């Protein structure tokens, strides 16, 4: 994973991101991949792409200050 992280950081910097932004984005991309892959490998019938979309949505809700519970109800994010 370290090589993938380094490649992501390098590519993002080549596209104009500063080092801190590139590192944060690479960290989040790898975290999304890890969680989505784990759910996909141990899940029932969901696709990997669907898991990536779901995890990305959860991260967006967390960043916005809320998250949805299992029923889709928004709740305050613990920070």
N, C-alpha and C. Protein backbone atom coordinates (compact mmCIF):
# COMPACT_ATOMS: atom_id res chain seq x y z
N UNK A 1 0.82 -1.21 0.00
CA UNK A 1 0.00 0.00 0.00
C UNK A 1 0.86 1.27 0.00
N UNK A 2 2.06 1.18 0.55
CA UNK A 2 2.92 2.36 0.60
C UNK A 2 3.28 2.84 -0.80
N UNK A 3 3.50 1.92 -1.71
CA UNK A 3 3.84 2.30 -3.09
C UNK A 3 2.65 2.97 -3.78
N UNK A 4 1.45 2.46 -3.52
CA UNK A 4 0.25 3.06 -4.11
C UNK A 4 0.05 4.45 -3.54
N UNK A 5 0.23 4.60 -2.22
CA UNK A 5 0.09 5.90 -1.57
C UNK A 5 1.08 6.89 -2.18
N UNK A 6 2.33 6.48 -2.32
CA UNK A 6 3.35 7.38 -2.88
C UNK A 6 3.01 7.77 -4.32
N UNK A 7 2.51 6.82 -5.10
CA UNK A 7 2.14 7.11 -6.48
C UNK A 7 0.97 8.08 -6.55
N UNK A 8 -0.02 7.89 -5.67
CA UNK A 8 -1.15 8.81 -5.62
C UNK A 8 -0.70 10.22 -5.25
N UNK A 9 0.14 10.33 -4.23
CA UNK A 9 0.64 11.64 -3.80
C UNK A 9 1.39 12.31 -4.94
N UNK A 10 2.28 11.56 -5.57
CA UNK A 10 3.07 12.11 -6.68
C UNK A 10 2.18 12.58 -7.82
N UNK A 11 1.21 11.76 -8.19
CA UNK A 11 0.31 12.11 -9.29
C UNK A 11 -0.53 13.35 -8.96
N UNK A 12 -1.03 13.41 -7.74
CA UNK A 12 -1.83 14.57 -7.34
C UNK A 12 -0.99 15.84 -7.33
N UNK A 13 0.25 15.74 -6.88
CA UNK A 13 1.13 16.90 -6.90
C UNK A 13 1.44 17.32 -8.33
N UNK A 14 1.64 16.34 -9.21
CA UNK A 14 1.90 16.66 -10.62
C UNK A 14 0.71 17.37 -11.26
N UNK A 15 -0.48 17.12 -10.71
CA UNK A 15 -1.70 17.77 -11.22
C UNK A 15 -2.02 19.07 -10.50
N UNK A 16 -1.10 19.53 -9.64
CA UNK A 16 -1.25 20.84 -9.04
C UNK A 16 -1.59 20.89 -7.57
N UNK A 17 -1.81 19.75 -6.93
CA UNK A 17 -2.12 19.76 -5.49
C UNK A 17 -0.85 20.01 -4.69
N UNK A 18 -1.00 20.76 -3.59
CA UNK A 18 0.15 20.93 -2.71
C UNK A 18 0.36 19.61 -1.96
N UNK A 19 1.51 19.47 -1.31
CA UNK A 19 1.86 18.20 -0.67
C UNK A 19 0.86 17.77 0.40
N UNK A 20 0.43 18.68 1.24
CA UNK A 20 -0.51 18.32 2.30
C UNK A 20 -1.84 17.84 1.72
N UNK A 21 -2.36 18.56 0.76
CA UNK A 21 -3.61 18.16 0.12
C UNK A 21 -3.47 16.81 -0.56
N UNK A 22 -2.37 16.61 -1.25
CA UNK A 22 -2.12 15.34 -1.94
C UNK A 22 -2.06 14.19 -0.95
N UNK A 23 -1.39 14.38 0.17
CA UNK A 23 -1.29 13.32 1.17
C UNK A 23 -2.64 13.00 1.81
N UNK A 24 -3.41 14.02 2.12
CA UNK A 24 -4.74 13.79 2.70
C UNK A 24 -5.63 13.05 1.71
N UNK A 25 -5.62 13.49 0.46
CA UNK A 25 -6.45 12.84 -0.57
C UNK A 25 -6.01 11.38 -0.76
N UNK A 26 -4.73 11.12 -0.77
CA UNK A 26 -4.24 9.75 -0.93
C UNK A 26 -4.64 8.90 0.28
N UNK A 27 -4.53 9.45 1.47
CA UNK A 27 -4.96 8.73 2.68
C UNK A 27 -6.44 8.36 2.60
N UNK A 28 -7.26 9.31 2.19
CA UNK A 28 -8.70 9.05 2.11
C UNK A 28 -9.01 8.03 1.02
N UNK A 29 -8.34 8.12 -0.12
CA UNK A 29 -8.57 7.16 -1.21
C UNK A 29 -8.24 5.74 -0.76
N UNK A 30 -7.14 5.58 -0.06
CA UNK A 30 -6.76 4.25 0.41
C UNK A 30 -7.71 3.77 1.49
N UNK A 31 -8.14 4.65 2.36
CA UNK A 31 -9.11 4.26 3.40
C UNK A 31 -10.42 3.81 2.77
N UNK A 32 -10.89 4.57 1.78
CA UNK A 32 -12.13 4.19 1.09
C UNK A 32 -11.95 2.82 0.45
N UNK A 33 -10.83 2.60 -0.22
CA UNK A 33 -10.58 1.32 -0.88
C UNK A 33 -10.58 0.18 0.14
N UNK A 34 -9.88 0.36 1.25
CA UNK A 34 -9.79 -0.70 2.26
C UNK A 34 -11.17 -1.07 2.82
N UNK A 35 -11.94 -0.07 3.20
CA UNK A 35 -13.26 -0.34 3.77
C UNK A 35 -14.17 -0.97 2.73
N UNK A 36 -14.19 -0.40 1.53
CA UNK A 36 -15.05 -0.94 0.47
C UNK A 36 -14.66 -2.37 0.12
N UNK A 37 -13.37 -2.64 0.01
CA UNK A 37 -12.92 -4.00 -0.33
C UNK A 37 -13.31 -4.99 0.75
N UNK A 38 -13.15 -4.61 2.01
CA UNK A 38 -13.55 -5.50 3.10
C UNK A 38 -15.02 -5.81 3.09
N UNK A 39 -15.84 -4.78 2.86
CA UNK A 39 -17.29 -5.00 2.82
C UNK A 39 -17.68 -5.85 1.62
N UNK A 40 -17.05 -5.60 0.48
CA UNK A 40 -17.35 -6.35 -0.75
C UNK A 40 -16.95 -7.82 -0.61
N UNK A 41 -15.78 -8.07 -0.05
CA UNK A 41 -15.30 -9.44 0.09
C UNK A 41 -16.13 -10.25 1.08
N UNK A 42 -16.68 -9.58 2.09
CA UNK A 42 -17.43 -10.29 3.12
C UNK A 42 -18.94 -10.08 3.01
N UNK A 43 -19.36 -9.39 1.95
CA UNK A 43 -20.78 -9.09 1.78
C UNK A 43 -21.49 -10.15 0.96
N UNK A 44 -22.72 -9.85 0.65
CA UNK A 44 -23.57 -10.79 -0.07
C UNK A 44 -23.49 -10.58 -1.58
N UNK A 45 -24.23 -9.61 -2.08
CA UNK A 45 -24.38 -9.48 -3.53
C UNK A 45 -24.03 -8.10 -4.07
N UNK A 46 -23.42 -7.26 -3.28
CA UNK A 46 -23.08 -5.91 -3.71
C UNK A 46 -21.84 -5.93 -4.60
N UNK A 47 -21.75 -4.96 -5.50
CA UNK A 47 -20.55 -4.84 -6.33
C UNK A 47 -19.51 -4.00 -5.60
N UNK A 48 -18.27 -4.13 -6.02
CA UNK A 48 -17.20 -3.32 -5.43
C UNK A 48 -17.49 -1.84 -5.68
N UNK A 49 -17.94 -1.50 -6.88
CA UNK A 49 -18.25 -0.11 -7.21
C UNK A 49 -19.33 0.45 -6.29
N UNK A 50 -20.34 -0.35 -5.99
CA UNK A 50 -21.41 0.09 -5.09
C UNK A 50 -20.86 0.33 -3.69
N UNK A 51 -19.96 -0.52 -3.25
CA UNK A 51 -19.36 -0.34 -1.92
C UNK A 51 -18.51 0.93 -1.89
N UNK A 52 -17.75 1.19 -2.96
CA UNK A 52 -16.94 2.41 -3.02
C UNK A 52 -17.85 3.64 -2.96
N UNK A 53 -18.95 3.62 -3.71
CA UNK A 53 -19.90 4.75 -3.68
C UNK A 53 -20.47 4.94 -2.28
N UNK A 54 -20.83 3.85 -1.62
CA UNK A 54 -21.42 3.94 -0.28
C UNK A 54 -20.42 4.49 0.73
N UNK A 55 -19.21 3.96 0.71
CA UNK A 55 -18.18 4.42 1.66
C UNK A 55 -17.83 5.88 1.38
N UNK A 56 -17.74 6.26 0.11
CA UNK A 56 -17.46 7.65 -0.24
C UNK A 56 -18.58 8.56 0.25
N UNK A 57 -19.80 8.12 0.11
CA UNK A 57 -20.94 8.89 0.62
C UNK A 57 -20.88 9.04 2.13
N UNK A 58 -20.50 7.97 2.82
CA UNK A 58 -20.38 8.05 4.28
C UNK A 58 -19.30 9.06 4.67
N UNK A 59 -18.19 9.04 3.97
CA UNK A 59 -17.11 9.99 4.26
C UNK A 59 -17.57 11.43 4.00
N UNK A 60 -18.31 11.64 2.93
CA UNK A 60 -18.84 12.98 2.64
C UNK A 60 -19.76 13.46 3.75
N UNK A 61 -20.62 12.55 4.24
CA UNK A 61 -21.54 12.94 5.32
C UNK A 61 -20.76 13.25 6.60
N UNK A 62 -19.74 12.48 6.88
CA UNK A 62 -18.91 12.74 8.06
C UNK A 62 -18.26 14.11 7.93
N UNK A 63 -17.70 14.40 6.76
CA UNK A 63 -17.03 15.68 6.53
C UNK A 63 -18.02 16.85 6.64
N UNK A 64 -19.27 16.59 6.29
CA UNK A 64 -20.30 17.63 6.36
C UNK A 64 -20.84 17.81 7.78
N UNK A 65 -20.45 16.91 8.68
CA UNK A 65 -20.88 17.05 10.06
C UNK A 65 -22.02 16.15 10.47
N UNK A 66 -22.41 15.23 9.60
CA UNK A 66 -23.46 14.30 9.98
C UNK A 66 -23.21 12.97 9.28
N UNK A 67 -23.88 11.94 9.75
CA UNK A 67 -23.83 10.63 9.09
C UNK A 67 -25.20 10.00 9.20
N UNK A 68 -25.45 9.04 8.35
CA UNK A 68 -26.75 8.38 8.37
C UNK A 68 -26.63 7.04 9.07
N UNK A 69 -27.61 6.71 9.87
CA UNK A 69 -27.62 5.40 10.51
C UNK A 69 -28.13 4.35 9.52
N UNK A 70 -28.35 3.14 9.98
CA UNK A 70 -28.75 2.04 9.11
C UNK A 70 -30.06 2.31 8.36
N UNK A 71 -30.92 3.14 8.94
CA UNK A 71 -32.20 3.45 8.30
C UNK A 71 -32.12 4.70 7.44
N UNK A 72 -30.93 5.29 7.34
CA UNK A 72 -30.76 6.49 6.53
C UNK A 72 -31.08 7.78 7.26
N UNK A 73 -31.34 7.68 8.56
CA UNK A 73 -31.62 8.87 9.36
C UNK A 73 -30.32 9.57 9.69
N UNK A 74 -30.27 10.87 9.48
CA UNK A 74 -29.08 11.64 9.77
C UNK A 74 -28.90 11.80 11.28
N UNK A 75 -27.68 11.69 11.72
CA UNK A 75 -27.34 11.91 13.13
C UNK A 75 -26.07 12.73 13.19
N UNK A 76 -25.90 13.45 14.26
CA UNK A 76 -24.69 14.25 14.42
C UNK A 76 -23.48 13.35 14.46
N UNK A 77 -22.43 13.77 13.78
CA UNK A 77 -21.20 12.99 13.76
C UNK A 77 -20.41 13.28 15.03
N UNK A 78 -19.92 12.24 15.69
CA UNK A 78 -19.10 12.46 16.87
C UNK A 78 -17.72 12.96 16.46
N UNK A 79 -17.31 14.08 16.97
CA UNK A 79 -15.98 14.62 16.64
C UNK A 79 -15.20 14.89 17.88
